N, C-alpha and C. Protein backbone atom coordinates (compact mmCIF):
# COMPACT_ATOMS: atom_id res chain seq x y z
N UNK A 1 -44.85 35.06 -46.39
CA UNK A 1 -45.03 36.46 -46.66
C UNK A 1 -45.97 37.10 -45.66
N UNK A 2 -46.87 36.34 -45.13
CA UNK A 2 -47.83 36.91 -44.18
C UNK A 2 -47.17 37.22 -42.84
N UNK A 3 -46.19 36.43 -42.45
CA UNK A 3 -45.57 36.61 -41.15
C UNK A 3 -44.90 37.98 -41.04
N UNK A 4 -44.10 38.46 -41.99
CA UNK A 4 -43.50 39.79 -41.86
C UNK A 4 -44.54 40.91 -41.83
N UNK A 5 -45.63 40.78 -42.56
CA UNK A 5 -46.67 41.81 -42.55
C UNK A 5 -47.32 41.87 -41.18
N UNK A 6 -47.57 40.73 -40.57
CA UNK A 6 -48.16 40.70 -39.22
C UNK A 6 -47.21 41.32 -38.21
N UNK A 7 -45.94 41.02 -38.34
CA UNK A 7 -44.96 41.57 -37.40
C UNK A 7 -44.87 43.09 -37.55
N UNK A 8 -44.88 43.59 -38.77
CA UNK A 8 -44.81 45.03 -38.99
C UNK A 8 -46.05 45.72 -38.45
N UNK A 9 -47.21 45.15 -38.67
CA UNK A 9 -48.44 45.76 -38.15
C UNK A 9 -48.48 45.74 -36.63
N UNK A 10 -47.98 44.65 -36.02
CA UNK A 10 -47.94 44.58 -34.55
C UNK A 10 -47.01 45.64 -34.00
N UNK A 11 -45.83 45.79 -34.60
CA UNK A 11 -44.87 46.80 -34.15
C UNK A 11 -45.44 48.20 -34.31
N UNK A 12 -46.14 48.45 -35.40
CA UNK A 12 -46.76 49.74 -35.64
C UNK A 12 -47.84 50.04 -34.60
N UNK A 13 -48.63 49.04 -34.25
CA UNK A 13 -49.68 49.22 -33.25
C UNK A 13 -49.08 49.54 -31.88
N UNK A 14 -48.05 48.79 -31.50
CA UNK A 14 -47.40 49.05 -30.20
C UNK A 14 -46.77 50.44 -30.21
N UNK A 15 -46.13 50.81 -31.29
CA UNK A 15 -45.52 52.14 -31.39
C UNK A 15 -46.53 53.25 -31.26
N UNK A 16 -47.71 53.10 -31.89
CA UNK A 16 -48.75 54.12 -31.80
C UNK A 16 -49.31 54.22 -30.38
N UNK A 17 -49.45 53.08 -29.73
CA UNK A 17 -49.95 53.10 -28.34
C UNK A 17 -48.97 53.84 -27.45
N UNK A 18 -47.70 53.55 -27.61
CA UNK A 18 -46.69 54.23 -26.79
C UNK A 18 -46.64 55.72 -27.12
N UNK A 19 -46.75 56.05 -28.40
CA UNK A 19 -46.66 57.44 -28.83
C UNK A 19 -47.83 58.29 -28.33
N UNK A 20 -49.04 57.75 -28.38
CA UNK A 20 -50.21 58.53 -28.02
C UNK A 20 -50.79 58.24 -26.64
N UNK A 21 -50.13 57.42 -25.86
CA UNK A 21 -50.62 57.13 -24.51
C UNK A 21 -50.48 58.38 -23.65
N UNK A 22 -51.38 58.52 -22.70
CA UNK A 22 -51.34 59.68 -21.81
C UNK A 22 -50.10 59.59 -20.93
N UNK A 23 -49.39 60.69 -20.77
CA UNK A 23 -48.19 60.65 -19.93
C UNK A 23 -48.56 60.43 -18.47
N UNK A 24 -47.70 59.69 -17.77
CA UNK A 24 -47.91 59.45 -16.35
C UNK A 24 -47.52 60.69 -15.57
N UNK A 25 -48.22 60.97 -14.50
CA UNK A 25 -47.84 62.14 -13.70
C UNK A 25 -46.46 61.92 -13.08
N UNK A 26 -45.75 63.01 -12.90
CA UNK A 26 -44.42 62.93 -12.30
C UNK A 26 -44.54 62.42 -10.87
N UNK A 27 -43.60 61.56 -10.51
CA UNK A 27 -43.61 61.04 -9.14
C UNK A 27 -43.01 62.06 -8.20
N UNK A 28 -43.55 62.12 -7.04
CA UNK A 28 -43.04 63.04 -6.03
C UNK A 28 -41.66 62.57 -5.57
N UNK A 29 -40.84 63.53 -5.19
CA UNK A 29 -39.50 63.19 -4.70
C UNK A 29 -39.61 62.36 -3.43
N UNK A 30 -38.72 61.43 -3.30
CA UNK A 30 -38.71 60.59 -2.10
C UNK A 30 -38.22 61.43 -0.92
N UNK A 31 -38.87 61.28 0.19
CA UNK A 31 -38.47 61.97 1.40
C UNK A 31 -37.79 60.93 2.27
N UNK A 32 -36.49 61.16 2.54
CA UNK A 32 -35.74 60.17 3.33
C UNK A 32 -34.64 60.87 4.10
N UNK A 33 -34.10 60.13 5.06
CA UNK A 33 -32.91 60.54 5.79
C UNK A 33 -32.07 59.29 6.02
N UNK A 34 -30.75 59.42 5.85
CA UNK A 34 -29.86 58.29 6.08
C UNK A 34 -28.56 58.80 6.69
N UNK A 35 -27.91 57.92 7.44
CA UNK A 35 -26.63 58.25 8.04
C UNK A 35 -25.57 57.33 7.45
N UNK A 36 -24.38 57.87 7.33
CA UNK A 36 -23.27 57.08 6.81
C UNK A 36 -22.06 57.32 7.69
N UNK A 37 -21.59 56.34 8.40
CA UNK A 37 -22.08 54.97 8.46
C UNK A 37 -23.33 54.88 9.31
N UNK A 38 -24.08 53.81 9.12
CA UNK A 38 -25.30 53.64 9.90
C UNK A 38 -24.98 53.08 11.29
N UNK A 39 -23.80 52.48 11.43
CA UNK A 39 -23.31 52.03 12.73
C UNK A 39 -22.04 52.81 13.03
N UNK A 40 -22.02 53.53 14.13
CA UNK A 40 -20.90 54.42 14.44
C UNK A 40 -20.47 54.23 15.88
N UNK A 41 -19.17 54.37 16.12
CA UNK A 41 -18.64 54.30 17.48
C UNK A 41 -18.81 55.66 18.16
N UNK A 42 -18.91 55.65 19.46
CA UNK A 42 -19.02 56.91 20.19
C UNK A 42 -17.76 57.74 19.93
N UNK A 43 -17.95 59.03 19.73
CA UNK A 43 -16.83 59.93 19.48
C UNK A 43 -16.50 60.09 18.01
N UNK A 44 -17.11 59.32 17.11
CA UNK A 44 -16.81 59.40 15.68
C UNK A 44 -17.79 60.32 14.96
N UNK A 45 -17.39 60.74 13.75
CA UNK A 45 -18.27 61.57 12.92
C UNK A 45 -19.24 60.71 12.14
N UNK A 46 -20.37 61.30 11.82
CA UNK A 46 -21.38 60.64 11.00
C UNK A 46 -21.89 61.66 9.99
N UNK A 47 -22.04 61.22 8.75
CA UNK A 47 -22.59 62.09 7.70
C UNK A 47 -24.08 61.83 7.59
N UNK A 48 -24.83 62.90 7.40
CA UNK A 48 -26.27 62.81 7.26
C UNK A 48 -26.63 63.26 5.85
N UNK A 49 -27.41 62.45 5.15
CA UNK A 49 -27.90 62.79 3.81
C UNK A 49 -29.41 62.65 3.83
N UNK A 50 -30.09 63.66 3.34
CA UNK A 50 -31.56 63.65 3.39
C UNK A 50 -32.12 64.23 2.10
N UNK A 51 -33.42 64.04 1.93
CA UNK A 51 -34.12 64.60 0.79
C UNK A 51 -35.53 64.96 1.20
N UNK A 52 -35.95 66.16 0.81
CA UNK A 52 -37.32 66.61 1.01
C UNK A 52 -37.95 66.81 -0.36
N UNK A 53 -39.19 67.26 -0.37
CA UNK A 53 -39.85 67.55 -1.64
C UNK A 53 -39.08 68.62 -2.40
N UNK A 54 -38.61 69.63 -1.69
CA UNK A 54 -37.82 70.71 -2.28
C UNK A 54 -36.45 70.72 -1.60
N UNK A 55 -35.43 70.29 -2.30
CA UNK A 55 -34.09 70.24 -1.72
C UNK A 55 -33.32 71.55 -1.88
N UNK A 56 -34.04 72.64 -2.08
CA UNK A 56 -33.40 73.94 -2.20
C UNK A 56 -33.41 74.71 -0.89
N UNK A 57 -34.14 74.19 0.11
CA UNK A 57 -34.21 74.85 1.41
C UNK A 57 -33.63 73.92 2.47
N UNK A 58 -33.03 74.52 3.48
CA UNK A 58 -32.46 73.74 4.58
C UNK A 58 -33.56 73.07 5.38
N UNK A 59 -33.22 71.95 6.00
CA UNK A 59 -34.15 71.23 6.87
C UNK A 59 -33.39 70.86 8.15
N UNK A 60 -34.11 70.26 9.11
CA UNK A 60 -33.46 69.88 10.36
C UNK A 60 -33.52 68.37 10.54
N UNK A 61 -32.46 67.83 11.12
CA UNK A 61 -32.37 66.42 11.47
C UNK A 61 -32.07 66.36 12.96
N UNK A 62 -32.83 65.51 13.66
CA UNK A 62 -32.61 65.42 15.11
C UNK A 62 -32.49 63.96 15.53
N UNK A 63 -31.64 63.75 16.54
CA UNK A 63 -31.45 62.43 17.14
C UNK A 63 -30.87 62.63 18.52
N UNK A 64 -31.13 61.71 19.41
CA UNK A 64 -30.67 61.84 20.80
C UNK A 64 -29.16 61.97 20.92
N UNK A 65 -28.36 61.17 20.21
CA UNK A 65 -26.92 61.27 20.44
C UNK A 65 -26.31 62.62 20.04
N UNK A 66 -26.73 63.20 18.92
CA UNK A 66 -26.07 64.42 18.46
C UNK A 66 -26.96 65.66 18.48
N UNK A 67 -28.21 65.55 18.88
CA UNK A 67 -29.08 66.71 18.99
C UNK A 67 -29.70 67.10 17.66
N UNK A 68 -29.82 68.41 17.40
CA UNK A 68 -30.45 68.93 16.18
C UNK A 68 -29.35 69.45 15.26
N UNK A 69 -29.44 69.03 13.99
CA UNK A 69 -28.46 69.44 12.98
C UNK A 69 -29.21 70.03 11.80
N UNK A 70 -28.69 71.12 11.26
CA UNK A 70 -29.26 71.73 10.07
C UNK A 70 -28.60 71.09 8.84
N UNK A 71 -29.42 70.50 7.95
CA UNK A 71 -28.89 69.94 6.71
C UNK A 71 -29.09 70.96 5.60
N UNK A 72 -28.03 71.19 4.83
CA UNK A 72 -28.02 72.23 3.80
C UNK A 72 -28.04 71.62 2.41
N UNK A 73 -28.58 72.30 1.41
CA UNK A 73 -28.57 71.80 0.03
C UNK A 73 -27.15 71.61 -0.48
N UNK A 74 -26.91 70.44 -1.10
CA UNK A 74 -25.59 70.12 -1.62
C UNK A 74 -25.74 69.07 -2.71
N UNK A 75 -25.54 69.45 -3.97
CA UNK A 75 -25.62 68.53 -5.11
C UNK A 75 -26.93 67.76 -5.16
N UNK A 76 -28.04 68.43 -4.95
CA UNK A 76 -29.36 67.81 -5.08
C UNK A 76 -29.85 67.10 -3.84
N UNK A 77 -29.06 67.06 -2.78
CA UNK A 77 -29.48 66.45 -1.52
C UNK A 77 -29.26 67.46 -0.40
N UNK A 78 -29.73 67.12 0.77
CA UNK A 78 -29.49 67.91 1.97
C UNK A 78 -28.46 67.15 2.80
N UNK A 79 -27.33 67.79 3.10
CA UNK A 79 -26.25 67.07 3.78
C UNK A 79 -25.71 67.86 4.96
N UNK A 80 -25.11 67.11 5.88
CA UNK A 80 -24.42 67.69 7.03
C UNK A 80 -23.51 66.62 7.62
N UNK A 81 -22.56 67.06 8.41
CA UNK A 81 -21.68 66.14 9.14
C UNK A 81 -21.73 66.54 10.60
N UNK A 82 -21.84 65.56 11.47
CA UNK A 82 -21.89 65.83 12.90
C UNK A 82 -21.10 64.75 13.62
N UNK A 83 -20.88 64.95 14.90
CA UNK A 83 -20.11 64.00 15.69
C UNK A 83 -20.99 63.43 16.81
N UNK A 84 -20.91 62.11 16.98
CA UNK A 84 -21.60 61.47 18.09
C UNK A 84 -20.68 61.65 19.31
N UNK A 85 -21.15 62.27 20.37
CA UNK A 85 -20.27 62.52 21.52
C UNK A 85 -19.73 61.22 22.13
N UNK A 86 -18.56 61.32 22.72
CA UNK A 86 -17.94 60.16 23.36
C UNK A 86 -18.75 59.71 24.57
N UNK A 87 -19.62 60.59 25.08
CA UNK A 87 -20.42 60.24 26.26
C UNK A 87 -21.74 59.57 25.89
N UNK A 88 -22.01 59.42 24.60
CA UNK A 88 -23.28 58.79 24.18
C UNK A 88 -23.30 57.32 24.60
N UNK A 89 -24.47 56.86 24.97
CA UNK A 89 -24.63 55.47 25.38
C UNK A 89 -24.87 54.61 24.14
N UNK A 90 -24.29 53.41 24.09
CA UNK A 90 -24.54 52.52 22.95
C UNK A 90 -26.02 52.16 22.85
N UNK A 91 -26.50 52.03 21.62
CA UNK A 91 -27.90 51.67 21.39
C UNK A 91 -28.35 52.10 20.01
N UNK A 92 -29.62 51.86 19.73
CA UNK A 92 -30.23 52.25 18.47
C UNK A 92 -31.06 53.51 18.70
N UNK A 93 -30.82 54.53 17.89
CA UNK A 93 -31.49 55.80 18.06
C UNK A 93 -32.21 56.19 16.77
N UNK A 94 -33.45 56.69 16.88
CA UNK A 94 -34.13 57.18 15.67
C UNK A 94 -33.52 58.52 15.24
N UNK A 95 -33.37 58.67 13.92
CA UNK A 95 -32.91 59.93 13.32
C UNK A 95 -34.10 60.46 12.53
N UNK A 96 -34.57 61.66 12.89
CA UNK A 96 -35.79 62.21 12.29
C UNK A 96 -35.48 63.46 11.47
N UNK A 97 -35.92 63.44 10.22
CA UNK A 97 -35.82 64.59 9.33
C UNK A 97 -37.14 65.34 9.38
N UNK A 98 -37.06 66.67 9.54
CA UNK A 98 -38.24 67.52 9.46
C UNK A 98 -38.02 68.52 8.33
N UNK A 99 -38.81 68.37 7.28
CA UNK A 99 -38.70 69.23 6.10
C UNK A 99 -39.37 70.58 6.37
N UNK A 100 -39.07 71.60 5.55
CA UNK A 100 -39.72 72.90 5.73
C UNK A 100 -41.24 72.84 5.59
N UNK A 101 -41.76 71.88 4.80
CA UNK A 101 -43.21 71.75 4.65
C UNK A 101 -43.81 70.79 5.69
N UNK A 102 -43.06 70.52 6.76
CA UNK A 102 -43.47 69.73 7.93
C UNK A 102 -43.59 68.22 7.64
N UNK A 103 -43.16 67.76 6.48
CA UNK A 103 -43.13 66.32 6.24
C UNK A 103 -41.94 65.74 6.99
N UNK A 104 -42.05 64.46 7.38
CA UNK A 104 -41.01 63.85 8.19
C UNK A 104 -40.59 62.51 7.61
N UNK A 105 -39.36 62.14 7.91
CA UNK A 105 -38.82 60.82 7.56
C UNK A 105 -37.94 60.38 8.72
N UNK A 106 -37.81 59.07 8.90
CA UNK A 106 -37.06 58.53 10.03
C UNK A 106 -36.16 57.38 9.57
N UNK A 107 -35.00 57.30 10.16
CA UNK A 107 -34.11 56.14 9.99
C UNK A 107 -33.51 55.83 11.36
N UNK A 108 -32.61 54.86 11.40
CA UNK A 108 -32.03 54.44 12.67
C UNK A 108 -30.52 54.56 12.64
N UNK A 109 -29.96 55.10 13.70
CA UNK A 109 -28.51 55.19 13.88
C UNK A 109 -28.12 54.21 14.98
N UNK A 110 -27.18 53.33 14.68
CA UNK A 110 -26.71 52.34 15.64
C UNK A 110 -25.40 52.87 16.24
N UNK A 111 -25.40 53.10 17.54
CA UNK A 111 -24.21 53.60 18.23
C UNK A 111 -23.62 52.45 19.04
N UNK A 112 -22.32 52.20 18.85
CA UNK A 112 -21.64 51.13 19.58
C UNK A 112 -20.54 51.75 20.44
N UNK A 113 -20.15 51.02 21.46
CA UNK A 113 -19.13 51.52 22.38
C UNK A 113 -17.77 51.52 21.70
N UNK A 114 -16.95 52.48 22.06
CA UNK A 114 -15.58 52.55 21.55
C UNK A 114 -14.72 51.62 22.40
N UNK A 115 -14.17 50.62 21.77
CA UNK A 115 -13.32 49.66 22.47
C UNK A 115 -11.94 49.69 21.83
N UNK A 116 -10.94 49.99 22.61
CA UNK A 116 -9.56 50.01 22.12
C UNK A 116 -8.89 48.71 22.55
N UNK A 117 -8.26 48.00 21.62
CA UNK A 117 -7.60 46.74 21.98
C UNK A 117 -6.40 46.99 22.89
N UNK A 118 -6.16 46.07 23.81
CA UNK A 118 -5.03 46.19 24.73
C UNK A 118 -3.74 45.73 24.06
N UNK A 119 -3.84 44.86 23.06
CA UNK A 119 -2.66 44.38 22.35
C UNK A 119 -3.07 44.06 20.92
N UNK A 120 -2.11 43.78 20.07
CA UNK A 120 -2.39 43.47 18.68
C UNK A 120 -3.12 42.15 18.53
N UNK A 121 -3.65 41.89 17.35
CA UNK A 121 -4.36 40.64 17.13
C UNK A 121 -3.42 39.45 17.11
N UNK A 122 -3.91 38.30 17.50
CA UNK A 122 -3.13 37.07 17.49
C UNK A 122 -3.15 36.51 16.06
N UNK A 123 -2.10 36.84 15.29
CA UNK A 123 -2.08 36.45 13.88
C UNK A 123 -1.01 35.44 13.55
N UNK A 124 -0.43 34.83 14.54
CA UNK A 124 0.58 33.80 14.25
C UNK A 124 1.75 33.89 15.21
N UNK A 125 2.83 33.24 14.82
CA UNK A 125 4.00 33.14 15.68
C UNK A 125 4.84 34.39 15.74
N UNK A 126 4.62 35.34 14.85
CA UNK A 126 5.40 36.57 14.89
C UNK A 126 6.80 36.38 14.36
N UNK A 127 6.99 35.50 13.38
CA UNK A 127 8.31 35.21 12.86
C UNK A 127 8.99 36.39 12.22
N UNK A 128 8.23 37.35 11.69
CA UNK A 128 8.86 38.51 11.07
C UNK A 128 8.93 39.69 12.01
N UNK A 129 8.44 39.52 13.21
CA UNK A 129 8.50 40.60 14.18
C UNK A 129 9.91 40.71 14.74
N UNK A 130 10.36 41.94 15.05
CA UNK A 130 11.69 42.06 15.63
C UNK A 130 11.74 41.39 16.99
N UNK A 131 12.87 40.85 17.30
CA UNK A 131 13.03 40.14 18.57
C UNK A 131 14.16 39.13 18.44
N UNK A 132 14.05 38.03 19.14
CA UNK A 132 15.14 37.06 19.16
C UNK A 132 15.33 36.36 17.82
N UNK A 133 14.28 36.16 17.06
CA UNK A 133 14.40 35.42 15.81
C UNK A 133 14.75 36.33 14.62
N UNK A 134 14.70 37.63 14.78
CA UNK A 134 14.96 38.54 13.66
C UNK A 134 16.38 38.39 13.11
N UNK A 135 17.44 38.35 13.95
CA UNK A 135 18.79 38.20 13.37
C UNK A 135 18.96 36.90 12.60
N UNK A 136 18.33 35.83 13.06
CA UNK A 136 18.43 34.56 12.37
C UNK A 136 17.73 34.63 11.01
N UNK A 137 16.58 35.28 10.95
CA UNK A 137 15.88 35.42 9.68
C UNK A 137 16.66 36.30 8.71
N UNK A 138 17.24 37.36 9.20
CA UNK A 138 18.03 38.25 8.33
C UNK A 138 19.26 37.52 7.83
N UNK A 139 19.95 36.80 8.72
CA UNK A 139 21.13 36.02 8.32
C UNK A 139 20.78 34.95 7.30
N UNK A 140 19.66 34.27 7.49
CA UNK A 140 19.23 33.25 6.54
C UNK A 140 18.91 33.86 5.19
N UNK A 141 18.29 35.01 5.16
CA UNK A 141 17.99 35.69 3.90
C UNK A 141 19.24 36.11 3.16
N UNK A 142 20.22 36.67 3.90
CA UNK A 142 21.48 37.07 3.29
C UNK A 142 22.21 35.84 2.74
N UNK A 143 22.21 34.73 3.50
CA UNK A 143 22.86 33.50 3.05
C UNK A 143 22.19 32.96 1.79
N UNK A 144 20.86 33.02 1.71
CA UNK A 144 20.15 32.53 0.52
C UNK A 144 20.48 33.39 -0.69
N UNK A 145 20.57 34.70 -0.52
CA UNK A 145 20.93 35.59 -1.63
C UNK A 145 22.36 35.31 -2.09
N UNK A 146 23.28 35.13 -1.12
CA UNK A 146 24.68 34.85 -1.47
C UNK A 146 24.78 33.52 -2.21
N UNK A 147 24.06 32.50 -1.77
CA UNK A 147 24.09 31.20 -2.46
C UNK A 147 23.54 31.33 -3.87
N UNK A 148 22.51 32.11 -4.06
CA UNK A 148 21.96 32.33 -5.40
C UNK A 148 22.94 33.04 -6.31
N UNK A 149 23.63 34.04 -5.80
CA UNK A 149 24.63 34.75 -6.60
C UNK A 149 25.79 33.83 -6.96
N UNK A 150 26.25 33.02 -5.98
CA UNK A 150 27.34 32.08 -6.25
C UNK A 150 26.93 31.07 -7.31
N UNK A 151 25.73 30.54 -7.25
CA UNK A 151 25.24 29.58 -8.23
C UNK A 151 25.15 30.22 -9.61
N UNK A 152 24.69 31.48 -9.69
CA UNK A 152 24.62 32.18 -10.96
C UNK A 152 26.02 32.39 -11.54
N UNK A 153 26.98 32.75 -10.70
CA UNK A 153 28.35 32.96 -11.16
C UNK A 153 28.95 31.67 -11.71
N UNK A 154 28.76 30.56 -10.99
CA UNK A 154 29.31 29.28 -11.43
C UNK A 154 28.65 28.84 -12.72
N UNK A 155 27.34 28.99 -12.86
CA UNK A 155 26.67 28.54 -14.08
C UNK A 155 27.07 29.40 -15.27
N UNK A 156 27.28 30.70 -15.10
CA UNK A 156 27.76 31.54 -16.20
C UNK A 156 29.18 31.18 -16.59
N UNK A 157 30.00 30.87 -15.64
CA UNK A 157 31.40 30.52 -15.89
C UNK A 157 31.48 29.21 -16.65
N UNK A 158 30.62 28.23 -16.32
CA UNK A 158 30.63 26.95 -17.01
C UNK A 158 30.19 27.11 -18.47
N UNK A 159 29.25 28.02 -18.73
CA UNK A 159 28.79 28.25 -20.08
C UNK A 159 29.91 28.81 -20.96
N UNK A 160 30.68 29.71 -20.41
CA UNK A 160 31.77 30.30 -21.16
C UNK A 160 32.85 29.27 -21.48
N UNK A 161 33.11 28.38 -20.52
CA UNK A 161 34.16 27.38 -20.74
C UNK A 161 33.70 26.29 -21.70
N UNK A 162 32.46 25.93 -21.64
CA UNK A 162 31.95 24.78 -22.38
C UNK A 162 31.55 25.14 -23.72
């Protein structure tokens, strides 16, 4: 009988502490800037998402590859889309957010060279690719379907007779 009374008193004490404890001050909004994707090929678009203390005013984001971009309020964040020029050199570039209250945040944008393959990937013998073996594969498939239909016809016919 003592155990339930102790448990009830303990729960009551914890509840009162939580109820009358001083509230914690609100945490300040995180100030950040990020790019999506964080690794981009030259000539491709990159989205910028940022946050300042007050996301109701526009801020600026700057980086060597794309220059200065104005980020606008959008669904609680500051967003913009920009393009990394095809002439940009591959490398890691700092992306700096400057908020209206002069606070700053930095992230890194990784720019890689645009490489176009000269031919398709080596994924096997190319048996399904059109060429010399395609008619043989098509003929074999048609023959397999015909053999299956003939076998089905014969087995149905035997059932009826038997």
